[in-house]
Amino acid sequence: RLYSHIDSEFEKLSGMGGAMQESELLAFVKMEDITDDMTENMRERERERMTVGETAVGAGLIYCELMSDIERISDHMLNIAQAKAGYISGEETEPCLP
């Protein structure tokens, strides 16, 4: 489910040409927030499984690292969306050329 969520948003981002509308940028902000929540919940559940011995610690650490990587990909996608919209780190910049 998380993978399809990220994949769907990546497809939207890569299919957009030119500058991005404000509403499209807000959709990416929302997507990034959802991804953050999902990955944090998944990491927490994995920590609980490791604590009770349902998951080996090594495997659990790899799983948690993967969740961090997915969250980072989501952050990068938001940065790309902000750049396409002409915003970087909340500061208005020159809009990017297509």
Protein backbone atom coordinates (compact mmCIF):
# COMPACT_ATOMS: atom_id res chain seq x y z
CA ARG A 1 0.00 0.00 0.00
CA LEU A 2 2.79 2.45 0.87
CA TYR A 3 4.69 1.56 -2.30
CA SER A 4 1.65 2.12 -4.51
CA HIS A 5 1.00 5.44 -2.74
CA ILE A 6 4.55 6.66 -3.46
CA ASP A 7 4.51 5.23 -7.00
CA SER A 8 1.24 6.99 -7.80
CA GLU A 9 2.53 10.35 -6.60
CA PHE A 10 5.81 9.88 -8.49
CA GLU A 11 3.87 9.20 -11.69
CA LYS A 12 1.88 12.41 -11.17
CA LEU A 13 5.06 14.39 -10.57
CA SER A 14 6.95 12.98 -13.55
CA GLY A 15 3.98 13.51 -15.87
CA MET A 16 3.69 17.22 -15.11
CA GLY A 17 5.26 19.62 -17.53
CA GLY A 18 6.09 23.24 -16.79
CA ALA A 19 5.17 25.11 -13.65
CA MET A 20 2.97 23.51 -11.03
CA GLN A 21 -0.24 25.05 -9.74
CA GLU A 22 -0.59 25.90 -6.04
CA SER A 23 -3.31 23.25 -5.61
CA GLU A 24 -1.01 20.60 -7.08
CA LEU A 25 1.76 21.61 -4.69
CA LEU A 26 -0.65 21.39 -1.74
CA ALA A 27 -1.55 17.86 -2.85
CA PHE A 28 2.15 16.93 -2.67
CA VAL A 29 2.45 18.50 0.78
CA LYS A 30 -0.51 16.39 1.91
CA MET A 31 1.01 13.27 0.31
CA GLU A 32 4.30 13.88 2.12
CA ASP A 33 2.48 14.26 5.45
CA ILE A 34 0.57 11.02 4.85
CA THR A 35 3.80 9.22 3.95
CA ASP A 36 5.47 10.52 7.12
CA ASP A 37 2.56 9.26 9.23
CA MET A 38 2.45 5.87 7.50
CA THR A 39 6.19 5.25 7.79
CA GLU A 40 6.25 6.32 11.45
CA ASN A 41 3.36 3.97 12.24
CA MET A 42 5.07 1.13 10.40
CA ARG A 43 8.36 1.75 12.24
CA GLU A 44 6.55 1.81 15.58
CA ARG A 45 4.76 -1.48 14.86
CA GLU A 46 8.08 -3.05 13.85
CA ARG A 47 9.70 -1.83 17.09
CA GLU A 48 6.87 -3.48 19.02
CA ARG A 49 7.36 -6.75 17.10
CA MET A 50 11.10 -6.67 17.86
CA THR A 51 10.40 -5.98 21.54
CA VAL A 52 8.19 -9.05 21.93
CA GLY A 53 10.47 -11.23 19.80
CA GLU A 54 8.19 -11.64 16.77
CA THR A 55 10.89 -10.20 14.50
CA ALA A 56 14.65 -10.68 14.62
CA VAL A 57 16.43 -7.48 15.61
CA GLY A 58 18.58 -7.44 12.46
CA ALA A 59 15.59 -7.81 10.17
CA GLY A 60 13.67 -5.21 12.17
CA LEU A 61 16.49 -2.70 11.85
CA ILE A 62 16.64 -3.22 8.10
CA TYR A 63 12.86 -2.76 7.90
CA CYS A 64 13.04 0.48 9.90
CA GLU A 65 15.88 1.71 7.68
CA LEU A 66 13.75 1.00 4.60
CA MET A 67 10.93 3.06 6.10
CA SER A 68 13.39 5.93 6.61
CA ASP A 69 14.51 5.61 2.99
CA ILE A 70 10.91 5.72 1.75
CA GLU A 71 10.28 8.80 3.86
CA ARG A 72 13.37 10.44 2.39
CA ILE A 73 12.18 9.68 -1.16
CA SER A 74 8.90 11.36 -0.27
CA ASP A 75 10.81 14.40 1.02
CA HIS A 76 12.76 14.59 -2.25
CA MET A 77 9.55 14.37 -4.27
CA LEU A 78 8.14 17.28 -2.28
CA ASN A 79 11.32 19.28 -2.93
CA ILE A 80 10.93 18.63 -6.67
CA ALA A 81 7.28 19.69 -6.54
CA GLN A 82 8.24 22.87 -4.67
CA ALA A 83 10.90 23.66 -7.26
CA LYS A 84 8.42 23.11 -10.10
CA ALA A 85 5.98 25.45 -8.34
CA GLY A 86 8.69 28.08 -7.89
CA TYR A 87 9.10 27.60 -4.15
CA ILE A 88 12.13 26.18 -2.38
CA SER A 89 12.18 25.93 1.43
CA GLY A 90 9.16 28.22 1.65
CA GLU A 91 10.88 31.06 -0.22
CA GLU A 92 9.61 32.10 -3.60
CA THR A 93 12.16 31.66 -6.38
CA GLU A 94 12.14 31.94 -10.12
CA PRO A 95 9.84 29.27 -11.57
CA CYS A 96 11.70 26.34 -13.07
CA LEU A 97 11.70 25.97 -16.82
CA PRO A 98 10.03 22.85 -18.23
